[in-house]
Structure formats: structure tokens, C-alpha cells
Amino acid sequence: MKLPSRLTFPILGIPFPILGVALASALTLAACSDGGPKGPASGAATAANPVGVIVARTEPVKLTTELPGRTVAYRVAEVRPQVSGIIQQRLFTEGSEVKEGQTLYQIDPATYRAAFASAKAGLSRAEANHYAVRLKAERYAELGKKGMISKQADDDTTAAFKQAEADVASARAALEKARIDLAYTRVPSPIAGRSGRSTVTAGALVTANQPAALTTVQQLDPIYVDLTQSSVDLLRLKRDLAEGKLQDLAEHVVPVRLLLEDGSEYAASGKLAFSGVSVDTDTGSVTLRAVFPNPQADLLPGMYVRARLAQGEIEKAILVPHAAVTHDRRGNAVVMVVGAEDKVEARPVTTTRSIGDKWLVSEGLAAGDRIIVDGLQKIRPGATVTVQVAGAEATASAAVSAAATK
């Protein structure tokens, strides 16, 4: 029997293909509702993420700053001749240590010895004339009292005596000048220190007070270190001291430590000796000068160093690990803390400087705040978390518990 191309249920009035599709859909939905996979129940609570926290606490912190600087000799003396002549000898080794008053050069003294002898003879002549004139003046004075000589003769004798006294004084001055010139043929070191390179050799002609130094002597123990600090930092430091945020150092003695060019630390510590009273208009910095002992001459003039200076002490400071501080889109520092009901809070903070592996936080935190340091990538503000003690604090807490148990 040939079936009709289109069947229709007379009761429902629905074409057969449409009814088949509807039945298939109903069976599929029934199968899904009975044996298909089931999702989480509506409104079910999500498990809280565990986070590691540390508890913020206050502690005294000594603040230091690191400044660049250069070493400078404590004293520098440029050795120059004070009389003219030929250098006979150089009596020191270049680069060696010399003592104060040690002879460095010897200038030919022959002409100066002759001048000294001549001045000495001149003094003897003046003294002999003075002796004769003095005796004559004494005789004329007695005769003048008796009226045996004229007043003019007495006055002339008195004037001749005063002239003889002046001649003696002049001869003595000339002798002293000749003696000084003879002494200046020996060129000594004005200070104790390390000698530099000699600019002349034996046989060289030098002149009195010439502009070129024969050599230079530098005192290296102790030694200066000139440091530069920004005027902005100096003003901030003074303001913090005035407002009481920093405690001034005892007796106003500022200790200084040095880092050498190779990164090693200089063994001896120094102290701040001078602070510039003006600002360099080119660099906007103030010069600070520190003094360091240098018995082994490890520090030489011109070396580049970095100095660590103590700037004061904060009695109640809060330090936070670097890992705990993040930044928002505007670059502001933010710390995640666990607040009431173990919910995460984003706390804006102010960090003033880095001390080791921690930030010094001046605003935004208080003692007792629970700071999240572990699990930051799994949380967001407002989420509920499970609190665990993190890192070193967990180890210390375990050690205290074990000791208490024993």
C-alpha cells in the first residue's frame, strides 16, 4: 500500500515530521536531567584561599644614606726654593715617606757662605767703630759739663754715636739676612707625608719663589673624603629632625663607613667633620667632608669611594618585605592586609626608603596589622582567606612552641 507523502494526526492536527522532532528533543532533555553531569549547587560557598601573613610590628631603625665621594689629602705642601742657585743634590726617594724638616734638596751654598762671611765682617767693623765713637762721646760729655768744649762739638759727638749704633744694627740685620739665605740653600719638607715626583735633578738652576714646585708632599694619615649630598635630601633630613620623626645622633657625632672601588668595605670607620654652608649652583648639592685614619696608606688621593652615613634613628619604624608591596596603575604602593572576618583589604602605604630586603613604611600601616606576603596572586580585595603564619615567623613560632612543650 502506498503511504501518503504527508501524514497528519487527526486529533492533534500536527504534521508527523514536526511531532518526531519534538519527541526527540523531549527524550534528550529527560536523559540529561536523569543521568547527565551535575554542576555545583546554586549559591554554594567557594573554599577560602590560604595566604601567608606576617604581623606588622614597630622597632627602632637607624637610618643611613650612601653618598659618592673622592679621597683628598689631609695636607698638601708644594716645595719651592727661597734662594736661587744650582741644585747640588736631591736627598730623597720619590714616593717615599718624609719627615717634617727633612732636607729634600741641597742648593750650592758657596756664594751664600761668602755673603755670610762678608756680613759678619761688616758687623765687626761697625761694632769697632761704635766702640770708638762711644768712648769719644763719653769724654766729650764730661768736658761739656765742665764747659771745656763747645756745645756744637758735644752735639756732633752725640750724633756720631747714634749713627754708629744704627750702623751696628744694620750690620746685624745684614748678617741675619746672609745667615737665612745660607740656611735656605737646604730645602726641607714643611710637613710629614709622602713625597711626589721631583721636577728637577742635580745640576738644575732654580730661582727664588719660582712658580713651579720642586716636588709635592701630601699627608695621607689621616685623610679626607669629600662627599656630595643633594640639597633636597639635606632639607628633608633637617625637617624630619625638627618634626621629631628622627632622633638626633648622640653628641652629634656622625659615624661614616667607606665602600672602596672594588666593592670591599674599608676596615676603619671615620666621622663627619664638615658640612658645606652653600649649594653648588651647577649640581645643586652640598659638600660633606669626613676624616678617616689611614695608617697603611690604603686610601690614596683621588680614589672614588662610596660612604655610608648615619642620619638618625626612628624609634618606632615599620618594615615590610619587598615581596609584600605591589603598585597600582598609578604607581602608588599598596599592601594587602587581612582585615575583619579574614577578608582581604588593599591598603595604600607610603614607602620612604629601602633598607636591606625591606621597605620602610611611614604611613598606611599600624602595629598588629596582618600583612599578606604569600599567595598574593590568588587573592583580590574583599575575598575571604585562610590565614597562615609565613616564612621566618612560622619557624620562630614553631621553635617557641617546641620550647614551651619541653
Protein backbone atom coordinates (compact mmCIF):
# COMPACT_ATOMS: atom_id res chain seq x y z
CA MET A 1 0.00 0.00 0.00
CA LYS A 2 1.39 3.38 -0.88
CA LEU A 3 1.74 5.70 2.10
CA PRO A 4 0.80 9.29 1.75
CA SER A 5 3.68 11.69 1.47
CA ARG A 6 2.36 13.73 4.39
CA LEU A 7 0.80 12.12 7.46
CA THR A 8 -1.30 14.04 9.90
CA PHE A 9 -2.63 13.01 13.28
CA PRO A 10 -6.31 13.82 13.03
CA ILE A 11 -6.67 14.53 16.74
CA LEU A 12 -3.69 16.79 17.26
CA GLY A 13 -3.62 18.26 13.82
CA ILE A 14 0.25 18.25 13.84
CA PRO A 15 2.31 17.03 10.88
CA PHE A 16 4.34 13.88 11.57
CA PRO A 17 7.88 15.32 11.00
CA ILE A 18 7.35 18.12 13.44
CA LEU A 19 5.98 15.76 16.07
CA GLY A 20 9.04 13.50 15.68
CA VAL A 21 11.46 16.34 16.27
CA ALA A 22 9.57 17.43 19.36
CA LEU A 23 9.58 13.89 20.81
CA ALA A 24 13.34 13.52 20.21
CA SER A 25 14.05 16.80 21.99
CA ALA A 26 11.93 15.78 24.96
CA LEU A 27 13.75 12.44 25.30
CA THR A 28 17.17 14.19 25.18
CA LEU A 29 16.18 16.62 27.93
CA ALA A 30 14.86 13.78 30.06
CA ALA A 31 18.12 11.88 29.64
CA CYS A 32 20.17 14.94 30.65
CA SER A 33 18.04 15.58 33.73
CA ASP A 34 18.29 11.98 34.89
CA GLY A 35 21.85 10.79 34.25
CA GLY A 36 23.82 13.78 32.87
CA PRO A 37 26.64 15.62 34.74
CA LYS A 38 25.52 17.90 37.52
CA GLY A 39 27.07 21.38 38.15
CA PRO A 40 27.58 22.95 41.53
CA ALA A 41 24.51 23.74 43.50
CA SER A 42 23.31 27.27 43.22
CA GLY A 43 24.71 29.54 46.00
CA ALA A 44 27.36 27.03 47.19
CA ALA A 45 30.31 28.71 49.01
CA THR A 46 33.79 28.69 47.38
CA ALA A 47 36.70 27.40 49.53
CA ALA A 48 38.87 30.20 51.03
CA ASN A 49 42.42 30.50 49.65
CA PRO A 50 45.26 30.08 52.16
CA VAL A 51 47.68 33.03 52.49
CA GLY A 52 50.87 33.54 54.46
CA VAL A 53 50.95 36.65 56.65
CA ILE A 54 53.34 38.47 58.93
CA VAL A 55 52.27 40.74 61.75
CA ALA A 56 53.46 44.35 61.50
CA ARG A 57 55.48 45.45 64.49
CA THR A 58 57.41 48.59 65.41
CA GLU A 59 61.14 48.54 66.00
CA PRO A 60 63.98 51.08 66.28
CA VAL A 61 65.77 51.60 62.98
CA LYS A 62 68.96 53.57 62.36
CA LEU A 63 68.80 55.34 59.02
CA THR A 64 71.85 55.54 56.78
CA THR A 65 72.47 57.11 53.43
CA GLU A 66 75.06 56.23 50.78
CA LEU A 67 76.87 59.09 49.08
CA PRO A 68 79.58 59.22 46.38
CA GLY A 69 82.89 60.86 47.16
CA ARG A 70 86.60 61.32 46.46
CA THR A 71 89.57 60.99 48.76
CA VAL A 72 91.62 64.15 49.38
CA ALA A 73 94.99 64.52 51.11
CA TYR A 74 94.76 65.89 54.66
CA ARG A 75 97.52 68.42 53.95
CA VAL A 76 99.40 69.28 50.75
CA ALA A 77 102.70 71.18 50.65
CA GLU A 78 104.34 72.37 47.43
CA VAL A 79 108.09 72.60 47.96
CA ARG A 80 109.73 75.65 46.33
CA PRO A 81 113.22 77.19 46.66
CA GLN A 82 113.55 80.50 48.51
CA VAL A 83 117.00 81.33 47.11
CA SER A 84 118.44 80.99 43.63
CA GLY A 85 121.20 78.58 42.75
CA ILE A 86 122.25 75.25 41.32
CA ILE A 87 120.78 72.04 42.78
CA GLN A 88 123.68 70.00 44.15
CA GLN A 89 121.75 67.00 45.45
CA ARG A 90 118.31 65.51 45.67
CA LEU A 91 118.21 63.86 49.10
CA PHE A 92 115.00 61.83 49.00
CA THR A 93 113.42 58.98 47.04
CA GLU A 94 110.37 59.84 45.02
CA GLY A 95 107.22 58.37 46.52
CA SER A 96 108.83 57.74 49.91
CA GLU A 97 107.69 58.90 53.32
CA VAL A 98 109.49 62.03 54.50
CA LYS A 99 109.57 63.70 57.91
CA GLU A 100 108.85 67.30 58.74
CA GLY A 101 112.06 69.31 58.39
CA GLN A 102 113.86 66.59 56.41
CA THR A 103 116.20 68.03 53.75
CA LEU A 104 114.89 67.28 50.25
CA TYR A 105 117.30 69.34 48.10
CA GLN A 106 120.66 70.98 48.63
CA ILE A 107 121.41 74.18 46.68
CA ASP A 108 125.06 75.15 46.13
CA PRO A 109 125.85 77.26 49.25
CA ALA A 110 129.25 78.67 48.21
CA THR A 111 128.14 82.19 47.31
CA TYR A 112 125.87 82.36 50.33
CA ARG A 113 128.71 81.33 52.66
CA ALA A 114 130.81 84.13 51.22
CA ALA A 115 127.96 86.61 51.71
CA PHE A 116 127.57 85.45 55.27
CA ALA A 117 131.27 85.90 55.97
CA SER A 118 131.18 89.39 54.44
CA ALA A 119 128.18 90.38 56.56
CA LYS A 120 129.89 89.03 59.64
CA ALA A 121 132.98 91.17 58.89
CA GLY A 122 130.76 94.18 58.30
CA LEU A 123 129.22 93.71 61.73
CA SER A 124 132.65 93.53 63.33
CA ARG A 125 133.66 96.76 61.59
CA ALA A 126 130.50 98.51 62.71
CA GLU A 127 130.97 97.32 66.28
CA ALA A 128 134.61 98.55 66.33
CA ASN A 129 133.58 101.99 65.08
CA HIS A 130 130.75 102.03 67.58
CA TYR A 131 133.19 101.33 70.40
CA ALA A 132 135.49 104.23 69.41
CA VAL A 133 132.63 106.66 68.93
CA ARG A 134 131.08 105.66 72.25
CA LEU A 135 134.32 106.39 74.16
CA LYS A 136 134.69 109.77 72.42
CA ALA A 137 131.09 110.63 73.17
CA GLU A 138 131.57 109.80 76.85
CA ARG A 139 134.70 112.03 77.06
CA TYR A 140 133.00 114.91 75.28
CA ALA A 141 130.04 114.60 77.58
CA GLU A 142 132.30 115.08 80.64
CA LEU A 143 134.11 118.02 79.01
CA GLY A 144 130.82 119.58 78.02
CA LYS A 145 129.64 119.54 81.64
CA LYS A 146 132.82 121.43 82.65
CA GLY A 147 132.42 123.88 79.78
CA MET A 148 135.73 122.90 78.23
CA ILE A 149 134.25 122.25 74.76
CA SER A 150 131.68 123.95 72.70
CA LYS A 151 128.09 122.83 72.62
CA GLN A 152 128.41 122.14 68.88
CA ALA A 153 131.27 119.68 69.38
CA ASP A 154 129.31 117.85 72.06
CA ASP A 155 126.26 117.60 69.80
CA ASP A 156 128.33 116.34 66.86
CA THR A 157 129.86 113.61 69.02
CA THR A 158 126.45 112.54 70.30
CA ALA A 159 125.11 112.35 66.72
CA ALA A 160 128.13 110.32 65.60
CA PHE A 161 127.49 107.88 68.45
CA LYS A 162 123.85 107.37 67.43
CA GLN A 163 124.99 106.87 63.82
CA ALA A 164 127.43 104.20 65.00
CA GLU A 165 124.61 102.44 66.87
CA ALA A 166 122.49 102.44 63.71
CA ASP A 167 125.40 101.05 61.69
CA VAL A 168 125.75 98.19 64.15
CA ALA A 169 122.04 97.40 63.94
CA SER A 170 122.17 97.48 60.12
CA ALA A 171 125.22 95.21 60.08
CA ARG A 172 123.47 92.75 62.37
CA ALA A 173 120.42 92.71 60.10
CA ALA A 174 122.64 92.10 57.07
CA LEU A 175 124.36 89.25 58.90
CA GLU A 176 120.97 87.72 59.80
CA LYS A 177 119.84 88.03 56.17
CA ALA A 178 123.01 86.28 55.00
CA ARG A 179 122.51 83.55 57.60
CA ILE A 180 118.88 82.97 56.48
CA ASP A 181 119.89 82.81 52.81
CA LEU A 182 122.61 80.31 53.65
CA ALA A 183 120.07 78.20 55.57
CA TYR A 184 117.67 78.35 52.62
CA THR A 185 120.20 76.52 50.46
CA ARG A 186 118.91 73.49 52.35
CA VAL A 187 115.34 72.90 51.10
CA PRO A 188 113.36 71.00 53.80
CA SER A 189 109.94 69.34 53.80
CA PRO A 190 107.42 71.63 55.55
CA ILE A 191 105.23 68.68 56.62
CA ALA A 192 105.49 64.94 57.18
CA GLY A 193 103.95 62.84 54.46
CA ARG A 194 104.51 61.07 51.16
CA SER A 195 106.71 62.78 48.59
CA GLY A 196 105.72 63.09 44.97
CA ARG A 197 107.63 63.20 41.72
CA SER A 198 110.64 65.53 41.58
CA THR A 199 110.55 68.10 38.78
CA VAL A 200 114.31 68.81 38.92
CA THR A 201 117.54 66.84 39.13
CA ALA A 202 121.05 67.67 40.33
CA GLY A 203 122.59 70.47 38.24
CA ALA A 204 119.28 72.26 37.58
CA LEU A 205 119.11 76.00 38.10
CA VAL A 206 116.32 77.15 40.39
CA THR A 207 115.21 80.63 41.32
CA ALA A 208 113.76 82.09 44.48
CA ASN A 209 109.98 81.70 44.78
CA GLN A 210 109.62 80.23 41.31
CA PRO A 211 106.04 79.24 40.31
CA ALA A 212 106.92 75.61 39.58
CA ALA A 213 107.22 73.39 42.66
CA LEU A 214 110.27 71.17 43.04
CA THR A 215 108.07 68.41 44.46
CA THR A 216 104.87 67.91 46.46
CA VAL A 217 104.43 66.33 49.89
CA GLN A 218 100.99 65.05 50.93
CA GLN A 219 99.91 63.99 54.40
CA LEU A 220 97.75 60.88 53.99
CA ASP A 221 97.16 59.88 57.62
CA PRO A 222 94.51 60.92 58.41
CA ILE A 223 92.84 61.52 55.05
CA TYR A 224 89.77 63.48 53.94
CA VAL A 225 86.84 62.10 51.94
CA ASP A 226 84.75 64.78 50.22
CA LEU A 227 81.13 63.69 49.70
CA THR A 228 78.25 65.31 47.84
CA GLN A 229 74.66 65.26 49.05
CA SER A 230 71.59 66.62 47.34
CA SER A 231 70.29 69.80 48.94
CA VAL A 232 66.77 68.30 48.73
CA ASP A 233 67.81 65.32 50.88
CA LEU A 234 69.53 67.65 53.34
CA LEU A 235 66.39 69.76 53.71
CA ARG A 236 64.26 66.63 54.21
CA LEU A 237 66.64 65.39 56.91
CA LYS A 238 66.53 68.71 58.76
CA ARG A 239 62.73 68.79 58.55
CA ASP A 240 62.38 65.25 59.91
CA LEU A 241 64.68 66.11 62.81
CA ALA A 242 62.73 69.27 63.56
CA GLU A 243 59.39 67.44 63.48
CA GLY A 244 60.64 64.65 65.71
CA LYS A 245 60.32 61.92 63.09
CA LEU A 246 64.04 61.25 63.55
CA GLN A 247 66.06 61.17 66.74
CA ASP A 248 69.33 63.12 66.51
CA LEU A 249 72.55 61.16 66.98
CA ALA A 250 74.18 61.26 70.40
CA GLU A 251 76.77 64.03 70.83
CA HIS A 252 76.20 64.96 67.17
CA VAL A 253 78.97 62.57 66.10
CA VAL A 254 78.14 61.10 62.68
CA PRO A 255 79.99 57.82 62.02
CA VAL A 256 80.92 57.06 58.41
CA ARG A 257 81.82 53.76 56.70
CA LEU A 258 83.54 53.51 53.32
CA LEU A 259 82.99 51.21 50.34
CA LEU A 260 86.03 51.06 48.05
CA GLU A 261 86.05 50.91 44.27
CA ASP A 262 86.21 47.10 44.25
CA GLY A 263 83.13 46.83 46.49
CA SER A 264 85.02 45.91 49.67
CA GLU A 265 84.49 47.81 52.91
CA TYR A 266 87.31 49.88 54.38
CA ALA A 267 88.37 48.48 57.73
CA ALA A 268 88.42 51.71 59.78
CA SER A 269 85.43 53.97 60.32
CA GLY A 270 85.56 57.74 60.11
CA LYS A 271 83.47 60.67 61.23
CA LEU A 272 81.85 63.65 59.60
CA ALA A 273 83.98 66.75 60.10
CA PHE A 274 82.47 69.45 57.87
CA SER A 275 79.28 70.31 56.05
CA GLY A 276 79.21 72.89 53.29
CA VAL A 277 77.29 76.08 54.01
CA SER A 278 76.46 76.79 50.36
CA VAL A 279 74.86 74.89 47.49
CA ASP A 280 76.74 74.30 44.25
CA THR A 281 74.75 76.12 41.58
CA ASP A 282 75.81 73.64 38.88
CA THR A 283 74.94 70.40 40.70
CA GLY A 284 72.50 71.51 43.41
CA SER A 285 74.50 69.61 46.04
CA VAL A 286 76.23 70.32 49.34
CA THR A 287 79.77 69.11 50.09
CA LEU A 288 80.31 67.00 53.20
CA ARG A 289 83.83 66.19 54.46
CA ALA A 290 84.69 63.11 56.52
CA VAL A 291 88.01 62.20 58.17
CA PHE A 292 89.39 58.66 58.16
CA PRO A 293 92.52 57.13 59.72
CA ASN A 294 94.87 55.83 57.04
CA PRO A 295 97.91 54.27 58.75
CA GLN A 296 98.67 51.82 55.94
CA ALA A 297 98.08 54.38 53.16
CA ASP A 298 95.39 52.16 51.63
CA LEU A 299 93.48 55.30 50.65
CA LEU A 300 95.23 57.46 48.08
CA PRO A 301 94.18 60.93 46.93
CA GLY A 302 91.70 60.90 44.06
CA MET A 303 90.14 57.48 44.74
CA TYR A 304 86.40 57.12 44.09
CA VAL A 305 84.54 55.75 47.11
CA ARG A 306 81.02 55.49 48.49
CA ALA A 307 80.30 56.45 52.06
CA ARG A 308 77.53 55.27 54.37
CA LEU A 309 76.50 57.93 56.85
CA ALA A 310 74.22 57.52 59.84
CA GLN A 311 71.48 60.15 59.57
CA GLY A 312 69.38 59.50 62.64
CA GLU A 313 67.15 56.91 64.29
CA ILE A 314 63.41 56.16 64.12
CA GLU A 315 62.24 54.73 67.43
CA LYS A 316 59.01 53.16 66.10
CA ALA A 317 59.51 52.12 62.49
CA ILE A 318 57.56 49.53 60.48
CA LEU A 319 59.49 47.43 57.95
CA VAL A 320 57.71 45.41 55.25
CA PRO A 321 59.32 42.83 52.92
CA HIS A 322 59.71 43.91 49.30
CA ALA A 323 57.51 40.99 48.16
CA ALA A 324 54.55 42.32 50.16
CA VAL A 325 54.45 45.70 48.40
CA THR A 326 52.78 46.00 45.00
CA HIS A 327 51.82 49.04 42.93
CA ASP A 328 48.54 50.09 41.39
CA ARG A 329 48.06 51.50 37.91
CA ARG A 330 49.10 54.94 39.08
CA GLY A 331 52.31 53.62 40.62
CA ASN A 332 51.16 54.04 44.22
CA ALA A 333 52.45 51.49 46.74
CA VAL A 334 49.80 49.05 48.03
CA VAL A 335 49.94 46.34 50.71
CA MET A 336 47.35 43.57 51.03
CA VAL A 337 46.27 43.02 54.63
CA VAL A 338 43.85 40.62 56.28
CA GLY A 339 41.11 42.62 57.96
CA ALA A 340 37.96 41.78 59.89
CA GLU A 341 36.34 38.38 59.19
CA ASP A 342 39.57 37.32 57.43
CA LYS A 343 38.79 39.40 54.37
CA VAL A 344 41.45 40.93 52.15
CA GLU A 345 41.93 44.70 52.15
CA ALA A 346 44.11 46.75 49.79
CA ARG A 347 45.93 49.28 51.96
CA PRO A 348 47.70 52.25 50.30
CA VAL A 349 51.05 52.94 52.03
CA THR A 350 53.92 55.41 51.82
CA THR A 351 57.40 53.90 51.48
CA THR A 352 60.30 56.27 52.19
CA ARG A 353 63.34 54.09 51.53
CA SER A 354 64.62 50.55 51.10
CA ILE A 355 66.58 49.03 53.99
CA GLY A 356 68.10 45.71 53.01
CA ASP A 357 65.28 43.50 51.67
CA LYS A 358 62.51 45.57 53.27
CA TRP A 359 60.67 48.83 52.73
CA LEU A 360 60.41 51.43 55.46
CA VAL A 361 56.71 52.34 55.66
CA SER A 362 55.97 55.77 57.09
CA GLU A 363 52.17 55.84 56.56
CA GLY A 364 49.33 53.36 55.99
CA LEU A 365 50.19 50.58 58.47
CA ALA A 366 50.00 50.16 62.21
CA ALA A 367 51.43 47.66 64.65
CA GLY A 368 49.36 44.47 64.65
CA ASP A 369 48.22 44.62 61.01
CA ARG A 370 48.35 41.23 59.28
CA ILE A 371 50.30 41.71 56.05
CA ILE A 372 49.98 39.14 53.25
CA VAL A 373 53.35 38.04 51.86
CA ASP A 374 52.49 34.61 50.35
CA GLY A 375 49.63 33.81 47.93
CA LEU A 376 49.15 37.33 46.61
CA GLN A 377 48.48 36.08 43.08
CA LYS A 378 45.39 34.12 44.20
CA ILE A 379 43.53 36.83 46.09
CA ARG A 380 41.68 40.04 45.48
CA PRO A 381 40.27 42.74 47.77
CA GLY A 382 37.16 41.54 49.59
CA ALA A 383 37.95 37.81 49.28
CA THR A 384 37.87 35.62 52.38
CA VAL A 385 41.17 33.84 53.07
CA THR A 386 42.63 31.27 55.42
CA VAL A 387 45.44 32.83 57.45
CA GLN A 388 48.78 31.06 57.93
CA VAL A 389 51.98 32.38 59.50
CA ALA A 390 54.57 32.92 56.78
CA GLY A 391 58.26 32.23 56.44
CA ALA A 392 60.61 33.10 59.27
CA GLU A 393 57.77 33.95 61.63
CA ALA A 394 56.36 30.44 61.26
CA THR A 395 59.78 28.95 62.06
CA ALA A 396 60.21 31.18 65.09
CA SER A 397 56.69 30.38 66.30
CA ALA A 398 57.34 26.64 65.95
CA ALA A 399 60.59 26.96 67.92
CA VAL A 400 58.82 28.83 70.73
CA SER A 401 56.06 26.18 70.86
CA ALA A 402 58.61 23.37 71.00
CA ALA A 403 60.48 25.08 73.81
CA ALA A 404 57.26 25.62 75.74
CA THR A 405 56.35 21.92 75.34
CA LYS A 406 59.72 20.79 76.66
